[in-house]
Protein backbone atom coordinates (compact mmCIF):
# COMPACT_ATOMS: atom_id res chain seq x y z
CA ARG A 1 -67.32 -23.13 67.97
CA LYS A 2 -66.36 -20.90 65.18
CA ARG A 3 -65.19 -21.54 61.74
CA ILE A 4 -61.81 -19.80 60.95
CA PRO A 5 -61.05 -19.41 57.20
CA LEU A 6 -57.33 -19.70 56.63
CA LYS A 7 -55.98 -16.98 54.36
CA SER A 8 -53.06 -18.39 52.38
CA PRO A 9 -51.77 -17.92 48.77
CA HIS A 10 -50.87 -21.66 48.71
CA PHE A 11 -54.47 -22.96 48.62
CA THR A 12 -55.68 -24.73 45.68
CA PHE A 13 -58.45 -27.04 44.86
CA HIS A 14 -56.24 -30.08 45.47
CA THR A 15 -54.48 -28.95 48.72
CA THR A 16 -55.33 -30.96 51.80
CA THR A 17 -54.83 -30.14 55.41
CA PHE A 18 -53.13 -33.16 57.25
CA SER A 19 -52.27 -31.74 60.60
CA ILE A 20 -52.88 -28.70 62.79
CA LYS A 21 -51.02 -27.95 66.15
CA LEU A 22 -51.44 -24.91 68.49
CA TYR A 23 -48.40 -23.30 70.01
CA GLU A 24 -48.05 -20.02 71.69
CA SER A 25 -51.48 -18.84 70.32
CA LYS A 26 -50.53 -19.61 66.81
CA MET A 27 -51.91 -22.40 64.44
CA TYR A 28 -49.21 -24.60 62.71
CA VAL A 29 -50.92 -26.31 59.64
CA MET A 30 -49.30 -28.96 57.43
CA PHE A 31 -50.78 -29.07 53.94
CA ALA A 32 -50.39 -31.65 51.36
CA GLY A 33 -51.58 -32.51 47.89
CA SER A 34 -50.69 -29.96 45.08
CA ALA A 35 -48.70 -27.76 47.51
CA TYR A 36 -46.74 -29.31 50.45
CA CYS A 37 -46.10 -26.62 52.93
CA LEU A 38 -46.10 -25.87 56.70
CA GLN A 39 -47.42 -22.44 57.58
CA VAL A 40 -48.22 -20.59 60.69
CA PHE A 41 -51.53 -18.61 61.09
CA SER A 42 -52.80 -16.27 63.82
CA GLN A 43 -55.89 -17.31 65.73
CA ASP A 44 -58.00 -15.45 63.27
CA GLY A 45 -56.81 -17.22 60.36
CA GLN A 46 -54.12 -14.71 58.88
CA LEU A 47 -51.05 -16.09 57.50
CA ILE A 48 -48.00 -15.09 59.59
CA ARG A 49 -45.33 -16.93 57.70
CA GLY A 50 -44.47 -20.05 55.73
CA VAL A 51 -42.00 -22.17 58.16
CA ILE A 52 -40.43 -24.84 56.04
CA PRO A 53 -39.76 -25.07 52.29
CA SER A 54 -41.79 -27.70 50.47
CA SER A 55 -38.77 -29.39 49.21
CA ASP A 56 -37.87 -30.22 52.66
CA ILE A 57 -41.37 -31.66 53.59
CA LYS A 58 -42.65 -33.16 50.42
CA ASP A 59 -44.39 -36.37 51.42
CA SER A 60 -44.42 -35.49 55.18
CA PHE A 61 -47.94 -35.50 56.46
CA PHE A 62 -47.52 -35.65 60.32
CA PHE A 63 -45.70 -33.39 62.55
CA SER A 64 -45.64 -32.26 66.29
CA LEU A 65 -43.98 -29.37 68.24
CA ASP A 66 -41.81 -29.84 71.31
CA GLN A 67 -41.78 -27.66 74.52
CA PHE A 68 -39.26 -25.33 72.68
CA GLY A 69 -41.29 -24.95 69.46
CA ASN A 70 -39.14 -27.24 67.34
CA ILE A 71 -41.05 -28.81 64.60
CA ILE A 72 -40.70 -32.62 64.30
CA LEU A 73 -41.88 -34.08 60.95
CA ALA A 74 -42.51 -37.84 60.31
CA ASP A 75 -41.32 -38.41 56.66
CA CYS A 76 -43.09 -41.79 55.75
CA LEU A 77 -41.47 -42.32 52.22
CA ARG A 78 -37.89 -41.63 53.42
CA ASN A 79 -38.30 -43.35 56.79
CA GLN A 80 -36.94 -40.27 58.55
CA ILE A 81 -37.82 -37.93 61.40
CA LYS A 82 -36.70 -34.56 60.66
CA ILE A 83 -36.34 -31.77 63.49
CA PHE A 84 -36.44 -28.23 62.43
CA SER A 85 -36.15 -25.01 64.61
CA ASN A 86 -39.34 -22.87 64.93
CA SER A 87 -37.86 -20.71 62.08
CA GLY A 88 -37.48 -23.67 59.89
CA GLN A 89 -33.80 -24.48 60.03
CA LEU A 90 -33.08 -28.13 59.87
CA ILE A 91 -31.55 -29.23 63.23
CA HIS A 92 -31.37 -32.84 63.07
CA THR A 93 -32.32 -35.89 60.95
CA ILE A 94 -33.18 -39.44 62.54
CA SER A 95 -32.83 -42.05 59.93
CA ASN A 96 -32.45 -45.79 59.86
CA ALA A 97 -28.62 -45.46 59.22
CA ASN A 98 -28.15 -44.29 62.85
CA LEU A 99 -30.85 -46.68 64.45
CA THR A 100 -30.66 -50.29 65.89
CA GLU A 101 -32.44 -52.93 64.02
CA GLU A 102 -35.26 -52.84 66.73
CA GLN A 103 -35.68 -49.01 66.22
CA LYS A 104 -35.73 -48.93 62.47
CA LEU A 105 -38.29 -46.79 60.99
CA SER A 106 -40.85 -48.04 58.48
CA CYS A 107 -43.39 -45.44 57.43
CA PRO A 108 -43.45 -43.36 60.58
CA ALA A 109 -46.75 -41.62 60.62
CA GLY A 110 -48.16 -40.65 63.91
CA ILE A 111 -45.81 -38.50 65.81
CA SER A 112 -45.95 -36.68 69.21
CA VAL A 113 -43.81 -35.24 71.87
CA ASP A 114 -44.38 -36.09 75.63
CA LYS A 115 -43.94 -33.86 78.55
CA GLN A 116 -40.36 -35.01 79.08
CA ASN A 117 -39.75 -34.01 75.39
CA ASN A 118 -39.43 -37.46 74.11
CA ILE A 119 -40.48 -38.00 70.53
CA VAL A 120 -42.95 -40.84 70.29
CA ILE A 121 -43.57 -42.28 66.85
CA ALA A 122 -46.12 -44.80 65.55
CA HIS A 123 -44.92 -46.91 62.59
CA CYS A 124 -45.08 -50.30 61.15
CA ASN A 125 -41.85 -52.22 61.12
CA LYS A 126 -42.82 -55.89 60.82
CA LYS A 127 -45.60 -54.99 63.18
CA CYS A 128 -47.05 -51.65 64.19
CA SER A 129 -45.53 -50.15 67.27
CA LEU A 130 -44.40 -47.02 69.12
CA ILE A 131 -40.95 -45.85 69.58
CA ALA A 132 -39.62 -43.23 72.00
CA PHE A 133 -36.42 -41.32 71.33
């Protein structure tokens, strides 16, 4: 075990780390609080780049990466799943407008991608459940 300090100009006293994922020897870190952002760090904690602008991820706390490195965000307040390319370009949005009544999202939080590249979401719509897309 070793502690890796992350070096980023966006850290403030009120910033909280919500999610960390590893992909191709890089750390993808979601921050929330005073500065919402998703950033990529090297294994030694050096900031490589910001990925998604804070305006696109405000109030998103959970994310996952698919086998192609696309970033999948769970947006609890807007009841959406947003899919971004690895460079941060918005590819697709899954919202309640294009879902059946049974699939409708209600505060999607936990999110993962399985080996078949299905997006699996934990949310609470009438009762807590999992949905796969």
